[in-house]
C-alpha atoms as a PDB file:
ATOM      1  CA  MET A   1     168.554 -55.521 182.841  1.00  0.00           C
ATOM      2  CA  LYS A   2     169.885 -52.064 183.723  1.00  0.00           C
ATOM      3  CA  LYS A   3     173.301 -51.774 185.359  1.00  0.00           C
ATOM      4  CA  ALA A   4     173.400 -50.520 188.948  1.00  0.00           C
ATOM      5  CA  ASP A   5     175.166 -47.359 187.776  1.00  0.00           C
ATOM      6  CA  ASP A   6     174.351 -46.519 184.179  1.00  0.00           C
ATOM      7  CA  GLY A   7     176.026 -43.103 184.385  1.00  0.00           C
ATOM      8  CA  ILE A   8     172.727 -41.206 184.314  1.00  0.00           C
ATOM      9  CA  PRO A   9     172.337 -39.385 187.674  1.00  0.00           C
ATOM     10  CA  GLN A  10     168.524 -39.386 187.447  1.00  0.00           C
ATOM     11  CA  THR A  11     168.403 -43.213 187.396  1.00  0.00           C
ATOM     12  CA  VAL A  12     170.891 -43.907 190.199  1.00  0.00           C
ATOM     13  CA  ALA A  13     169.533 -44.221 193.744  1.00  0.00           C
ATOM     14  CA  PRO A  14     170.989 -41.754 196.248  1.00  0.00           C
ATOM     15  CA  VAL A  15     173.492 -43.111 198.762  1.00  0.00           C
ATOM     16  CA  GLU A  16     173.049 -42.296 202.439  1.00  0.00           C
ATOM     17  CA  GLU A  17     175.752 -42.879 205.020  1.00  0.00           C
ATOM     18  CA  ILE A  18     174.961 -44.361 208.422  1.00  0.00           C
ATOM     19  CA  GLN A  19     177.411 -43.427 211.149  1.00  0.00           C
ATOM     20  CA  TRP A  20     177.297 -45.655 214.231  1.00  0.00           C
ATOM     21  CA  SER A  21     178.249 -44.399 217.650  1.00  0.00           C
ATOM     22  CA  VAL A  22     177.812 -45.499 221.235  1.00  0.00           C
ATOM     23  CA  ARG A  23     177.915 -43.518 224.447  1.00  0.00           C
ATOM     24  CA  ASP A  24     179.783 -44.667 227.520  1.00  0.00           C
ATOM     25  CA  ALA A  25     178.554 -44.287 231.108  1.00  0.00           C
ATOM     26  CA  ALA A  26     179.927 -40.729 231.208  1.00  0.00           C
ATOM     27  CA  GLY A  27     178.012 -39.806 228.044  1.00  0.00           C
ATOM     28  CA  ASN A  28     181.083 -39.614 225.813  1.00  0.00           C
ATOM     29  CA  ARG A  29     180.420 -40.557 222.204  1.00  0.00           C
ATOM     30  CA  ARG A  30     182.627 -43.100 220.416  1.00  0.00           C
ATOM     31  CA  ASP A  31     182.284 -43.959 216.724  1.00  0.00           C
ATOM     32  CA  VAL A  32     182.045 -47.686 215.984  1.00  0.00           C
ATOM     33  CA  THR A  33     181.489 -49.925 212.994  1.00  0.00           C
ATOM     34  CA  PHE A  34     178.449 -52.165 212.623  1.00  0.00           C
ATOM     35  CA  ARG A  35     180.766 -55.150 212.973  1.00  0.00           C
ATOM     36  CA  GLU A  36     182.076 -53.787 216.304  1.00  0.00           C
ATOM     37  CA  LEU A  37     178.483 -53.541 217.586  1.00  0.00           C
ATOM     38  CA  ILE A  38     177.871 -57.187 216.665  1.00  0.00           C
ATOM     39  CA  GLU A  39     181.136 -58.321 218.250  1.00  0.00           C
ATOM     40  CA  ALA A  40     180.348 -56.438 221.471  1.00  0.00           C
ATOM     41  CA  THR A  41     176.927 -58.107 221.678  1.00  0.00           C
ATOM     42  CA  ASN A  42     178.260 -61.600 220.936  1.00  0.00           C
ATOM     43  CA  GLY A  43     181.507 -61.270 222.892  1.00  0.00           C
ATOM     44  CA  ALA A  44     183.397 -62.836 219.985  1.00  0.00           C
ATOM     45  CA  THR A  45     185.008 -61.880 216.698  1.00  0.00           C
ATOM     46  CA  ALA A  46     182.592 -61.782 213.764  1.00  0.00           C
ATOM     47  CA  ALA A  47     183.776 -62.901 210.345  1.00  0.00           C
ATOM     48  CA  ARG A  48     181.119 -60.729 208.719  1.00  0.00           C
ATOM     49  CA  ALA A  49     178.330 -58.298 209.508  1.00  0.00           C
ATOM     50  CA  ASP A  50     175.189 -58.638 207.396  1.00  0.00           C
ATOM     51  CA  LEU A  51     173.129 -55.475 207.593  1.00  0.00           C
ATOM     52  CA  HIS A  52     169.392 -55.563 206.857  1.00  0.00           C
ATOM     53  CA  ILE A  53     167.504 -52.273 206.593  1.00  0.00           C
ATOM     54  CA  SER A  54     163.784 -52.406 207.381  1.00  0.00           C
ATOM     55  CA  ARG A  55     160.949 -50.102 208.313  1.00  0.00           C
ATOM     56  CA  SER A  56     158.337 -50.471 211.037  1.00  0.00           C
ATOM     57  CA  ARG A  57     154.614 -50.152 210.344  1.00  0.00           C
ATOM     58  CA  ASP A  58     154.721 -46.520 211.445  1.00  0.00           C
ATOM     59  CA  GLY A  59     157.644 -45.759 209.115  1.00  0.00           C
ATOM     60  CA  GLU A  60     160.558 -45.802 211.575  1.00  0.00           C
ATOM     61  CA  PRO A  61     163.742 -47.254 210.033  1.00  0.00           C
ATOM     62  CA  PHE A  62     165.712 -49.945 211.827  1.00  0.00           C
ATOM     63  CA  ILE A  63     168.693 -52.197 211.181  1.00  0.00           C
ATOM     64  CA  THR A  64     168.954 -55.889 211.997  1.00  0.00           C
ATOM     65  CA  SER A  65     171.718 -58.450 211.785  1.00  0.00           C
ATOM     66  CA  ARG A  66     171.548 -62.224 211.709  1.00  0.00           C
ATOM     67  CA  GLN A  67     174.860 -62.432 213.550  1.00  0.00           C
ATOM     68  CA  ASP A  68     173.616 -60.963 216.843  1.00  0.00           C
ATOM     69  CA  GLY A  69     169.813 -60.838 216.530  1.00  0.00           C
ATOM     70  CA  MET A  70     169.726 -57.231 217.744  1.00  0.00           C
ATOM     71  CA  ILE A  71     167.402 -54.584 216.343  1.00  0.00           C
ATOM     72  CA  GLN A  72     169.141 -51.215 216.016  1.00  0.00           C
ATOM     73  CA  MET A  73     166.832 -48.209 215.839  1.00  0.00           C
ATOM     74  CA  LEU A  74     168.113 -45.268 213.821  1.00  0.00           C
ATOM     75  CA  VAL A  75     167.914 -42.086 215.863  1.00  0.00           C
ATOM     76  CA  PRO A  76     169.467 -38.670 215.293  1.00  0.00           C
ATOM     77  CA  ASP A  77     172.355 -37.684 217.512  1.00  0.00           C
ATOM     78  CA  PRO A  78     171.130 -34.718 219.575  1.00  0.00           C
ATOM     79  CA  GLY A  79     174.703 -33.426 219.769  1.00  0.00           C
ATOM     80  CA  GLY A  80     175.459 -34.035 216.109  1.00  0.00           C
ATOM     81  CA  PRO A  81     175.300 -31.657 213.170  1.00  0.00           C
ATOM     82  CA  ALA A  82     171.958 -30.826 211.587  1.00  0.00           C
ATOM     83  CA  THR A  83     171.365 -32.500 208.240  1.00  0.00           C
ATOM     84  CA  GLY A  84     169.213 -29.735 206.815  1.00  0.00           C
ATOM     85  CA  ARG A  85     166.396 -32.080 205.819  1.00  0.00           C
END
């Protein structure tokens, strides 16, 4: 079995960062963690936040969590920086 990082860049999967944010009623953006999203939905402290990445039949990525049962769609921030992709 091959190690997760064998030191050869061509065999290591790229890492992508997901930045979570919410907008308040005034439209102001606030960065949050995935755990904070779960806690806000449940109204209670979460000991952990299990993140499951999936893709819809038409290819759209989404995130789910067993802790809150919510489906989080991944959408670009229209006010955020361009990724150049």
